[in-house]
Amino acid sequence: MDHISLCPLIVLLLCAVILALRKIFKTVIQDHEKSAADIPPGSHGFPVIGETLQFMLSVNSGKGFYEFVRSRRIRYGSCFRTSLFGEAHVFLSTTESARAVLNNESGMFTKRYIKSIAALVGDRSLLCASQHHHKILRSHFINLFSKKSTALMVRNFDELVVDALSGWEHRGTVVLLTDLLQITFKAMCKMLISLENEEELDSLQRDVGFVCEAMLAFPLNLPWTRFHKGIMARGRVMEVLEKTIRERRNETSSHNNNNHHEDFLQQLLAVDSDGSASSSDHSTKLTDAEIKDNILTMIIAGQDTTASALTWMVKYLGENQKVLNFLIEEQTRIAKQASDKPFLELDDLTEMTYASKMVKESLRMASVVPWFPRVVLQDCEMEGYKINKGCNINIDARSIHLDPNVYSEPHKFNPSRRKQKQIVSYHLVWEEEHVLDLIWPKP
């Protein structure tokens, strides 16, 4: 067979190959387009590091880290994807998604914080616990929000505020956030470990400050980095807590009642030592590592967010004279009723109906916790997009709080937008399980 006779066969084979390749390419392109349509819009940024650099630039900018989220929500909508610290993240900002994820009736979500936070608070912290471990820890920590503990906390906090205010009149300028951080830190340390020594408080607060500053730092553990300083500071905090626990146990073993402590640490050690328990979860003894990690977690949660929220409240009140007048009127009336008491008590809080609305409105506008992180345990669909197992999802609370479809005139500070509710009992103000849910939601 000569070459000429082979030409038609070669042409036929080439045509068949071209048609086959065309069909394959068309199928691949269609599958890619379909896949792209199924995933949330956004960008994964550079290989490996994703958009971590852009996030860190926002953290260190004057606008703060939430600017990273806000700018992408404007660009992509209420559901978008990104990549941070080597992991995929999806941000959601609708009330429907928030209910589905935070209520977690499907059991498809659990908590997960970015690597730097987990390394700093400890892997035994409530913030990093598995679902089963989280349940055990909550059963021990619920006593922190009992009526007795809360009543003592109210009195101690009021005493600290009165003491701080008495010194303000002699100062030319007051940096509110700085003073509030000191007040809230002292309150948490007194409530948790009965620490009141000024020198020890200053040293511990400095180290906790380093830990907080490192939480959104790039998790690079080298001597000159902010993350490394935070890790070193965490080690010093752990040493202080270890020493405190050891001293308490020595006092208990020697039956030394000269130092009577009414704090959270003593409650934990008392339960562990006498074996008293009302449930199988509560009967599980906590290790010292669990106690230390979670005391650090509670100090951070109680100090930083509370001080920030109070600072925003003062700002909003200063900008809204009418609201301030209503609040002064209510507080003056309560002060007259409690004139025979040196400090506020828990029952006095039940009379503060307008103050309660003001606090809730301040928290809505300030959103001191701007988003709530979770991780997907199995493939699911949110807002019409497929989200794969293992992906981090974040409920964008600040966006929801300022959504005009949820709140009319969302940028207006208006405590009266809250429905009128007469607070008639302690349980409506401080229901133990619900208060704990606000700080450490169930996974």
Foldseek 3Di string as FASTA:
>chain_A
DDPVVCVVVVVVVVVVVVVVVVVVVVVVVVVVVVQVVQAAADFQCDPQAWCQVVQVVQCPDPNHNCVVVVVVCVVRNQWHWTAHNRAIEIEGEDPVVVCCAQVVPVVFKFADDDPLLCLLLDCLALRNDDQLSVVLVCQLCLVCQDQVNVQVLQQLLQVLVVVVVVPVVVDPDDPQLVSLLLSQLCSLCCAAQNDDPPVVSVLLSVLLVLLVVRSSFNCDCDPVGSSVSNNVSSVVLLVVLVVSLVVVVVCVVVVPPPDDGNHSSVSLVVCQVVQDDDDPSNSDRDDSSSSSSHSSVSSCLRRPLVSVLVVLLVVLCVVDVVLVVVQVVQVVVLCVVCVVPPGDGLVSVLSRQLVVLSSVLSCLQVVSPQKGKMFGQAWDHDPSHIDGHGHIYIHGSNSNSQDCVNPPPSNDRDSPVDDRDRRDDPCVVRVSVVVVCVRNNND
